[in-house]
Amino acid sequence: MKTISGMREIGVDPDALSFTFARLKEIYVKRYEADPEITDKTKLGRWHALARIEKTWPEFMAMKPNKV
């Protein structure tokens, strides 16, 4: 099983502070889609959760994390 600190070390971008939630979503989706330990049902659930956020809070994806 992966540790949280180990996962944080993977793919850390020095420009992360300038990212919007849309960019962070792309990274998140790539990571969970590539993880063989996550079931297809869980991946689908995550996709639906992200879709609900986008539908109910459309301006969210354009925001930066420090603005939430």
N, C-alpha and C. Protein backbone atom coordinates (compact mmCIF):
# COMPACT_ATOMS: atom_id res chain seq x y z
N MET A 1 0.85 -1.19 0.00
CA MET A 1 0.00 0.00 0.00
C MET A 1 0.89 1.24 0.00
N LYS A 2 0.49 2.23 -0.76
CA LYS A 2 1.25 3.46 -0.86
C LYS A 2 0.97 4.36 0.34
N THR A 3 2.00 5.09 0.75
CA THR A 3 1.79 6.05 1.83
C THR A 3 1.42 7.39 1.22
N ILE A 4 0.77 8.22 2.01
CA ILE A 4 0.39 9.56 1.56
C ILE A 4 1.64 10.36 1.20
N SER A 5 2.65 10.31 2.08
CA SER A 5 3.86 11.08 1.79
C SER A 5 4.55 10.58 0.53
N GLY A 6 4.51 9.28 0.29
CA GLY A 6 5.10 8.73 -0.92
C GLY A 6 4.38 9.19 -2.17
N MET A 7 3.05 9.26 -2.10
CA MET A 7 2.27 9.71 -3.25
C MET A 7 2.49 11.19 -3.50
N ARG A 8 2.69 11.97 -2.44
CA ARG A 8 2.92 13.40 -2.61
C ARG A 8 4.23 13.68 -3.31
N GLU A 9 5.20 12.79 -3.15
CA GLU A 9 6.50 12.98 -3.77
C GLU A 9 6.46 12.74 -5.27
N ILE A 10 5.47 12.02 -5.73
CA ILE A 10 5.37 11.68 -7.15
C ILE A 10 4.74 12.83 -7.93
N GLY A 11 5.43 13.29 -8.94
CA GLY A 11 4.87 14.28 -9.84
C GLY A 11 4.62 15.65 -9.26
N VAL A 12 5.39 16.07 -8.27
CA VAL A 12 5.21 17.40 -7.71
C VAL A 12 5.78 18.43 -8.69
N ASP A 13 4.96 19.39 -9.04
CA ASP A 13 5.36 20.41 -10.00
C ASP A 13 5.68 21.70 -9.25
N PRO A 14 6.83 22.32 -9.52
CA PRO A 14 7.17 23.56 -8.83
C PRO A 14 6.21 24.71 -9.13
N ASP A 15 5.46 24.62 -10.22
CA ASP A 15 4.50 25.66 -10.57
C ASP A 15 3.11 25.39 -10.00
N ALA A 16 3.00 24.45 -9.08
CA ALA A 16 1.70 24.03 -8.57
C ALA A 16 0.90 25.18 -7.95
N LEU A 17 1.56 26.17 -7.40
CA LEU A 17 0.82 27.28 -6.78
C LEU A 17 0.04 28.10 -7.80
N SER A 18 0.43 28.04 -9.06
CA SER A 18 -0.28 28.79 -10.08
C SER A 18 -1.39 27.98 -10.75
N PHE A 19 -1.54 26.72 -10.36
CA PHE A 19 -2.54 25.85 -10.97
C PHE A 19 -3.95 26.26 -10.56
N THR A 20 -4.88 26.04 -11.48
CA THR A 20 -6.30 26.17 -11.16
C THR A 20 -6.82 24.77 -10.81
N PHE A 21 -8.04 24.72 -10.33
CA PHE A 21 -8.63 23.42 -10.03
C PHE A 21 -8.80 22.57 -11.28
N ALA A 22 -8.97 23.20 -12.43
CA ALA A 22 -9.07 22.43 -13.68
C ALA A 22 -7.78 21.66 -13.93
N ARG A 23 -6.65 22.31 -13.72
CA ARG A 23 -5.35 21.63 -13.91
C ARG A 23 -5.15 20.55 -12.85
N LEU A 24 -5.51 20.86 -11.62
CA LEU A 24 -5.38 19.87 -10.55
C LEU A 24 -6.29 18.67 -10.80
N LYS A 25 -7.45 18.92 -11.38
CA LYS A 25 -8.36 17.82 -11.73
C LYS A 25 -7.71 16.91 -12.75
N GLU A 26 -7.07 17.50 -13.77
CA GLU A 26 -6.39 16.70 -14.80
C GLU A 26 -5.34 15.78 -14.17
N ILE A 27 -4.54 16.34 -13.27
CA ILE A 27 -3.51 15.55 -12.59
C ILE A 27 -4.14 14.44 -11.76
N TYR A 28 -5.18 14.78 -11.00
CA TYR A 28 -5.87 13.83 -10.14
C TYR A 28 -6.44 12.68 -10.96
N VAL A 29 -7.11 13.01 -12.07
CA VAL A 29 -7.73 11.98 -12.90
C VAL A 29 -6.66 11.06 -13.50
N LYS A 30 -5.58 11.64 -13.99
CA LYS A 30 -4.50 10.81 -14.54
C LYS A 30 -3.95 9.85 -13.49
N ARG A 31 -3.78 10.35 -12.28
CA ARG A 31 -3.23 9.50 -11.21
C ARG A 31 -4.17 8.37 -10.84
N TYR A 32 -5.46 8.67 -10.66
CA TYR A 32 -6.33 7.58 -10.25
C TYR A 32 -6.64 6.64 -11.40
N GLU A 33 -6.67 7.13 -12.62
CA GLU A 33 -6.88 6.25 -13.76
C GLU A 33 -5.70 5.29 -13.95
N ALA A 34 -4.51 5.73 -13.61
CA ALA A 34 -3.31 4.91 -13.79
C ALA A 34 -3.06 3.96 -12.63
N ASP A 35 -3.79 4.11 -11.55
CA ASP A 35 -3.55 3.30 -10.34
C ASP A 35 -4.31 1.97 -10.43
N PRO A 36 -3.60 0.86 -10.59
CA PRO A 36 -4.27 -0.43 -10.71
C PRO A 36 -4.92 -0.92 -9.41
N GLU A 37 -4.59 -0.29 -8.30
CA GLU A 37 -5.17 -0.70 -7.01
C GLU A 37 -6.58 -0.14 -6.81
N ILE A 38 -6.99 0.80 -7.66
CA ILE A 38 -8.31 1.40 -7.54
C ILE A 38 -9.25 0.69 -8.51
N THR A 39 -10.38 0.24 -8.00
CA THR A 39 -11.33 -0.50 -8.83
C THR A 39 -12.03 0.43 -9.82
N ASP A 40 -12.56 -0.17 -10.88
CA ASP A 40 -13.29 0.61 -11.89
C ASP A 40 -14.49 1.31 -11.27
N LYS A 41 -15.14 0.65 -10.33
CA LYS A 41 -16.32 1.24 -9.68
C LYS A 41 -15.92 2.49 -8.88
N THR A 42 -14.79 2.44 -8.20
CA THR A 42 -14.30 3.59 -7.45
C THR A 42 -13.90 4.72 -8.39
N LYS A 43 -13.26 4.37 -9.50
CA LYS A 43 -12.87 5.38 -10.49
C LYS A 43 -14.11 6.08 -11.05
N LEU A 44 -15.14 5.31 -11.32
CA LEU A 44 -16.38 5.89 -11.83
C LEU A 44 -17.01 6.81 -10.79
N GLY A 45 -16.97 6.40 -9.53
CA GLY A 45 -17.50 7.23 -8.45
C GLY A 45 -16.75 8.55 -8.35
N ARG A 46 -15.45 8.50 -8.50
CA ARG A 46 -14.66 9.73 -8.46
C ARG A 46 -15.01 10.63 -9.64
N TRP A 47 -15.18 10.02 -10.81
CA TRP A 47 -15.54 10.80 -12.00
C TRP A 47 -16.88 11.51 -11.78
N HIS A 48 -17.85 10.78 -11.22
CA HIS A 48 -19.17 11.37 -10.96
C HIS A 48 -19.08 12.49 -9.93
N ALA A 49 -18.25 12.33 -8.92
CA ALA A 49 -18.09 13.37 -7.90
C ALA A 49 -17.54 14.64 -8.53
N LEU A 50 -16.54 14.49 -9.38
CA LEU A 50 -15.97 15.66 -10.06
C LEU A 50 -17.00 16.31 -10.98
N ALA A 51 -17.78 15.51 -11.66
CA ALA A 51 -18.81 16.04 -12.55
C ALA A 51 -19.87 16.82 -11.76
N ARG A 52 -20.22 16.33 -10.58
CA ARG A 52 -21.21 17.04 -9.74
C ARG A 52 -20.66 18.39 -9.28
N ILE A 53 -19.38 18.43 -8.93
CA ILE A 53 -18.77 19.71 -8.53
C ILE A 53 -18.83 20.70 -9.69
N GLU A 54 -18.44 20.24 -10.87
CA GLU A 54 -18.45 21.12 -12.04
C GLU A 54 -19.86 21.61 -12.38
N LYS A 55 -20.85 20.75 -12.19
CA LYS A 55 -22.23 21.12 -12.52
C LYS A 55 -22.80 22.12 -11.52
N THR A 56 -22.53 21.92 -10.24
CA THR A 56 -23.13 22.76 -9.21
C THR A 56 -22.32 24.02 -8.91
N TRP A 57 -21.05 24.03 -9.31
CA TRP A 57 -20.19 25.18 -9.03
C TRP A 57 -19.30 25.41 -10.26
N PRO A 58 -19.88 25.88 -11.35
CA PRO A 58 -19.15 25.99 -12.62
C PRO A 58 -17.87 26.83 -12.54
N GLU A 59 -17.86 27.87 -11.74
CA GLU A 59 -16.67 28.72 -11.66
C GLU A 59 -15.54 28.11 -10.82
N PHE A 60 -15.82 26.99 -10.17
CA PHE A 60 -14.84 26.34 -9.31
C PHE A 60 -13.58 25.94 -10.07
N MET A 61 -13.73 25.38 -11.25
CA MET A 61 -12.57 24.88 -11.99
C MET A 61 -11.61 25.99 -12.43
N ALA A 62 -12.10 27.21 -12.54
CA ALA A 62 -11.24 28.33 -12.92
C ALA A 62 -10.52 28.94 -11.72
N MET A 63 -10.90 28.52 -10.51
CA MET A 63 -10.32 29.11 -9.31
C MET A 63 -9.00 28.45 -8.94
N LYS A 64 -8.22 29.19 -8.16
CA LYS A 64 -6.98 28.65 -7.59
C LYS A 64 -7.30 28.18 -6.18
N PRO A 65 -6.62 27.16 -5.71
CA PRO A 65 -6.92 26.61 -4.38
C PRO A 65 -6.89 27.62 -3.25
N ASN A 66 -6.02 28.61 -3.32
CA ASN A 66 -5.95 29.59 -2.22
C ASN A 66 -7.12 30.55 -2.23
N LYS A 67 -8.01 30.47 -3.20
CA LYS A 67 -9.19 31.33 -3.28
C LYS A 67 -10.46 30.65 -2.78
N VAL A 68 -10.36 29.41 -2.39
CA VAL A 68 -11.54 28.67 -1.92
C VAL A 68 -11.62 28.74 -0.41
